[in-house]
Amino acid sequence: MQKAVKVGEKLGLSKEAARTLAELRTPELIQDFVNKIPWNTEPDGDTARSVSEVLRLRQAHCVEGAFVGACALWMAGRQPLLMDMGASDADVDHVVALFRRGQYWGAISKSNSPFLRYRDPIYRTLRELSISFFPQYVLKRSKTLRTYSVSIDLQKYDPALWVTHQGYCLEMIETLTSARHFSLLPTDFEDDQLRPIDTIEAHSNNLTEHVEPKKIIRLDGHLPPPSPLDQAASAEQ
């Protein structure tokens, strides 16, 4: 664990933050940790927070959770890899942290819905992994996932851009969206040929892990209050 802490500190994390992530020695533990971070509803506008900012504010959405996942993987001795999944113009991209066991790919994924979540390392290619997200990557009832990117190795980028950056991590977002992407749909396939998901699927997609507040709460650098879901979980422990 001390080796992992040193790696975290070298990346720019505080000793406390490094110790927190150093305890996450496996992808499964990293996913459990990422799941517990309350969902970032972006009350003050779009965000792309660095790892240190996520740990300080205790909020994250998908790319922010992916940064945390990749950082924890790096500290655990694995490559910090990300993959961007591109959506149609009507929807938004989703970013996951990648890992491998042997020849097979898995993914750490931050989502507030039931389906765009952790993937076990059973996929032979990134295309296979991406296709596993396709059926439930939806906006209302429309399937919107269109592309997936090559893996992006964060060891090639300054940690100041994504581990300790203050504010919006614009350069890393541009790196993800401009990376080489591959289409998931056949070249002669039209969007209107995709069958909408069934109504029961659409209803289940309305479930959320973290309750999203109806009122906008400005954080101003302070820790957010725990959601009712988090309070219930604490009461059970």
Protein backbone atom coordinates (compact mmCIF):
# COMPACT_ATOMS: atom_id res chain seq x y z
CA MET A 1 0.00 0.00 0.00
CA GLN A 2 2.88 2.38 0.74
CA LYS A 3 4.11 1.98 -2.84
CA ALA A 4 0.67 2.92 -4.13
CA VAL A 5 0.54 5.95 -1.83
CA LYS A 6 3.87 7.13 -3.18
CA VAL A 7 2.61 6.77 -6.74
CA GLY A 8 -0.46 8.83 -5.85
CA GLU A 9 1.62 11.54 -4.22
CA LYS A 10 3.92 11.62 -7.25
CA LEU A 11 0.83 12.20 -9.40
CA GLY A 12 0.06 15.24 -7.23
CA LEU A 13 -2.55 13.88 -4.81
CA SER A 14 -2.48 14.81 -1.16
CA LYS A 15 -1.38 12.06 1.23
CA GLU A 16 -4.97 11.65 2.43
CA ALA A 17 -6.33 11.32 -1.11
CA ALA A 18 -3.50 8.97 -2.09
CA ARG A 19 -4.22 6.74 0.90
CA THR A 20 -7.90 6.62 -0.01
CA LEU A 21 -7.22 5.36 -3.54
CA ALA A 22 -4.30 3.14 -2.47
CA GLU A 23 -6.76 0.90 -0.62
CA LEU A 24 -8.46 0.04 -3.93
CA ARG A 25 -6.29 -2.82 -5.15
CA THR A 26 -8.67 -4.42 -7.67
CA PRO A 27 -11.05 -3.16 -10.38
CA GLU A 28 -13.96 -4.47 -8.33
CA LEU A 29 -12.98 -2.38 -5.29
CA ILE A 30 -12.41 0.65 -7.51
CA GLN A 31 -15.90 0.24 -8.99
CA ASP A 32 -17.44 -0.05 -5.52
CA PHE A 33 -15.72 3.19 -4.52
CA VAL A 34 -16.80 5.01 -7.67
CA ASN A 35 -20.39 3.84 -7.18
CA LYS A 36 -20.50 5.42 -3.73
CA ILE A 37 -19.54 8.89 -4.98
CA PRO A 38 -22.77 10.93 -5.23
CA TRP A 39 -23.84 11.85 -8.75
CA ASN A 40 -22.73 15.24 -10.04
CA THR A 41 -25.84 17.03 -11.32
CA GLU A 42 -23.73 19.97 -12.58
CA PRO A 43 -25.90 22.63 -10.86
CA ASP A 44 -23.56 25.44 -11.92
CA GLY A 45 -23.01 24.27 -15.50
CA ASP A 46 -20.90 21.68 -17.30
CA THR A 47 -18.00 20.22 -15.34
CA ALA A 48 -15.08 17.90 -16.04
CA ARG A 49 -13.37 17.71 -12.67
CA SER A 50 -9.99 16.22 -11.96
CA VAL A 51 -9.39 13.36 -9.55
CA SER A 52 -8.41 15.65 -6.66
CA GLU A 53 -11.51 17.81 -7.20
CA VAL A 54 -13.80 14.78 -7.24
CA LEU A 55 -12.32 13.51 -3.99
CA ARG A 56 -12.60 16.97 -2.43
CA LEU A 57 -16.20 17.66 -3.50
CA ARG A 58 -17.47 14.05 -3.35
CA GLN A 59 -19.37 14.31 -6.62
CA ALA A 60 -18.77 12.80 -10.06
CA HIS A 61 -20.41 12.04 -13.37
CA CYS A 62 -19.12 9.59 -15.98
CA VAL A 63 -15.84 11.12 -17.17
CA GLU A 64 -15.01 12.31 -13.65
CA GLY A 65 -15.57 8.81 -12.33
CA ALA A 66 -13.42 7.48 -15.18
CA PHE A 67 -10.56 9.80 -14.15
CA VAL A 68 -10.79 8.46 -10.59
CA GLY A 69 -10.94 4.87 -11.83
CA ALA A 70 -7.93 5.32 -14.11
CA CYS A 71 -5.92 6.98 -11.35
CA ALA A 72 -6.69 4.15 -8.92
CA LEU A 73 -5.76 1.57 -11.56
CA TRP A 74 -2.42 3.33 -12.12
CA MET A 75 -1.73 3.36 -8.39
CA ALA A 76 -2.56 -0.38 -8.28
CA GLY A 77 0.06 -1.09 -10.92
CA ARG A 78 -2.19 -1.20 -13.99
CA GLN A 79 -2.33 0.99 -17.07
CA PRO A 80 -4.63 4.03 -16.68
CA LEU A 81 -6.68 3.62 -19.84
CA LEU A 82 -9.84 5.44 -20.92
CA MET A 83 -12.28 4.83 -23.77
CA ASP A 84 -14.80 7.31 -25.12
CA MET A 85 -18.10 6.05 -26.46
CA GLY A 86 -19.62 8.51 -28.89
CA ALA A 87 -23.35 9.11 -29.05
CA SER A 88 -25.63 10.53 -31.72
CA ASP A 89 -26.04 14.31 -31.85
CA ALA A 90 -29.12 14.05 -29.64
CA ASP A 91 -27.27 12.41 -26.71
CA VAL A 92 -23.96 12.72 -24.83
CA ASP A 93 -20.80 10.59 -24.87
CA HIS A 94 -19.90 8.16 -22.10
CA VAL A 95 -16.35 7.52 -20.86
CA VAL A 96 -15.10 4.41 -19.04
CA ALA A 97 -11.82 3.35 -17.45
CA LEU A 98 -10.51 0.18 -19.07
CA PHE A 99 -8.67 -2.77 -17.54
CA ARG A 100 -7.60 -6.20 -18.68
CA ARG A 101 -7.39 -9.66 -17.14
CA GLY A 102 -5.29 -11.78 -19.42
CA GLN A 103 -6.55 -11.16 -22.94
CA TYR A 104 -9.95 -9.87 -21.91
CA TRP A 105 -11.24 -6.32 -21.44
CA GLY A 106 -13.44 -4.98 -18.66
CA ALA A 107 -14.56 -1.48 -17.70
CA ILE A 108 -15.10 0.70 -14.66
CA SER A 109 -18.06 2.96 -15.32
CA LYS A 110 -19.78 5.76 -13.40
CA SER A 111 -23.49 6.10 -14.12
CA ASN A 112 -26.59 7.10 -12.23
CA SER A 113 -28.77 4.75 -14.27
CA PRO A 114 -28.98 0.95 -14.05
CA PHE A 115 -27.27 -0.02 -17.30
CA LEU A 116 -24.12 1.94 -18.23
CA ARG A 117 -22.13 0.35 -15.45
CA TYR A 118 -19.24 -2.01 -14.61
CA ARG A 119 -18.29 -4.61 -17.19
CA ASP A 120 -16.60 -7.86 -16.19
CA PRO A 121 -13.37 -8.67 -18.07
CA ILE A 122 -14.92 -11.12 -20.54
CA TYR A 123 -14.67 -9.13 -23.80
CA ARG A 124 -12.06 -10.02 -26.42
CA THR A 125 -12.02 -6.60 -28.10
CA LEU A 126 -13.00 -3.01 -27.35
CA ARG A 127 -15.72 -3.38 -29.98
CA GLU A 128 -17.23 -6.32 -28.08
CA LEU A 129 -17.05 -4.30 -24.86
CA SER A 130 -18.71 -1.29 -26.48
CA ILE A 131 -21.48 -3.38 -28.02
CA SER A 132 -22.38 -4.61 -24.53
CA PHE A 133 -23.45 -1.02 -23.78
CA PHE A 134 -25.41 -0.59 -27.03
CA PRO A 135 -28.88 -1.99 -26.17
CA GLN A 136 -29.40 0.27 -23.14
CA TYR A 137 -27.45 3.35 -24.24
CA VAL A 138 -30.65 5.29 -24.84
CA LEU A 139 -32.34 8.65 -24.81
CA LYS A 140 -35.96 8.00 -23.86
CA ARG A 141 -36.55 4.97 -26.13
CA SER A 142 -34.00 5.67 -28.87
CA LYS A 143 -30.69 3.79 -29.00
CA THR A 144 -28.00 6.45 -29.37
CA LEU A 145 -24.56 4.81 -29.08
CA ARG A 146 -22.70 5.18 -32.39
CA THR A 147 -18.92 4.91 -31.94
CA TYR A 148 -16.12 3.81 -29.63
CA SER A 149 -12.58 5.11 -29.42
CA VAL A 150 -9.15 3.57 -29.23
CA SER A 151 -7.85 3.23 -25.69
CA ILE A 152 -6.24 6.42 -24.37
CA ASP A 153 -3.26 5.84 -22.07
CA LEU A 154 -3.23 8.60 -19.45
CA GLN A 155 0.42 7.88 -18.62
CA LYS A 156 1.19 9.88 -21.78
CA TYR A 157 -0.44 13.03 -20.37
CA ASP A 158 0.62 15.41 -17.64
CA PRO A 159 -1.22 14.50 -14.39
CA ALA A 160 -1.76 18.25 -13.96
CA LEU A 161 -4.32 17.95 -16.79
CA TRP A 162 -6.54 15.35 -15.12
CA VAL A 163 -5.34 14.42 -11.59
CA THR A 164 -4.88 17.84 -10.00
CA HIS A 165 -6.32 20.34 -12.49
CA GLN A 166 -8.52 23.08 -11.01
CA GLY A 167 -11.68 23.65 -13.00
CA TYR A 168 -12.78 22.12 -16.29
CA CYS A 169 -10.31 19.57 -17.71
CA LEU A 170 -10.77 20.88 -21.25
CA GLU A 171 -7.57 19.48 -22.75
CA MET A 172 -8.39 15.93 -21.65
CA ILE A 173 -11.97 16.20 -22.90
CA GLU A 174 -10.69 17.35 -26.27
CA THR A 175 -8.20 14.46 -26.28
CA LEU A 176 -11.00 11.97 -25.67
CA THR A 177 -13.40 13.36 -28.25
CA SER A 178 -10.72 13.81 -30.92
CA ALA A 179 -9.24 10.32 -30.51
CA ARG A 180 -9.76 7.86 -33.34
CA HIS A 181 -13.28 6.43 -33.19
CA PHE A 182 -14.85 3.44 -34.91
CA SER A 183 -18.47 3.09 -35.95
CA LEU A 184 -20.62 0.45 -34.30
CA LEU A 185 -23.33 0.49 -36.98
CA PRO A 186 -22.84 -1.14 -40.39
CA THR A 187 -22.06 1.37 -43.13
CA ASP A 188 -25.39 0.78 -44.90
CA PHE A 189 -27.43 0.94 -41.69
CA GLU A 190 -29.73 3.93 -41.03
CA ASP A 191 -30.61 5.24 -37.57
CA ASP A 192 -34.33 4.77 -38.20
CA GLN A 193 -33.74 1.04 -38.64
CA LEU A 194 -32.96 0.72 -34.93
CA ARG A 195 -35.95 -0.58 -33.01
CA PRO A 196 -36.82 1.56 -29.95
CA ILE A 197 -36.42 -0.16 -26.60
CA ASP A 198 -39.57 -1.57 -25.05
CA THR A 199 -41.62 0.55 -22.67
CA ILE A 200 -40.69 -1.61 -19.69
CA GLU A 201 -37.01 -1.03 -20.47
CA ALA A 202 -37.58 2.71 -20.68
CA HIS A 203 -39.31 2.67 -17.29
CA SER A 204 -36.45 0.74 -15.68
CA ASN A 205 -33.98 3.27 -17.07
CA ASN A 206 -35.66 5.94 -14.95
CA LEU A 207 -34.20 4.35 -11.81
CA THR A 208 -31.33 6.29 -10.25
CA GLU A 209 -28.67 5.22 -7.77
CA HIS A 210 -28.27 8.66 -6.21
CA VAL A 211 -31.28 10.90 -5.71
CA GLU A 212 -30.93 14.04 -7.82
CA PRO A 213 -31.98 17.12 -5.83
CA LYS A 214 -34.96 19.08 -7.11
CA LYS A 215 -33.45 22.31 -5.82
CA ILE A 216 -30.12 23.58 -7.06
CA ILE A 217 -27.56 23.62 -4.26
CA ARG A 218 -24.40 25.63 -4.87
CA LEU A 219 -21.46 23.80 -3.34
CA ASP A 220 -18.92 26.65 -3.30
CA GLY A 221 -16.18 24.22 -2.41
CA HIS A 222 -18.03 22.61 0.50
CA LEU A 223 -18.91 18.93 0.78
CA PRO A 224 -22.41 18.21 -0.52
CA PRO A 225 -25.01 16.84 1.89
CA PRO A 226 -25.49 13.06 1.60
CA SER A 227 -28.42 11.93 -0.51
CA PRO A 228 -31.32 10.03 1.13
CA LEU A 229 -29.94 6.87 -0.52
CA ASP A 230 -26.54 7.41 1.09
CA GLN A 231 -28.15 8.12 4.48
CA ALA A 232 -30.15 4.88 4.25
CA ALA A 233 -27.01 2.93 3.36
CA SER A 234 -25.17 4.42 6.34
CA ALA A 235 -28.02 3.49 8.68
CA GLU A 236 -27.80 -0.13 7.53
CA GLN A 237 -24.07 -0.42 8.29
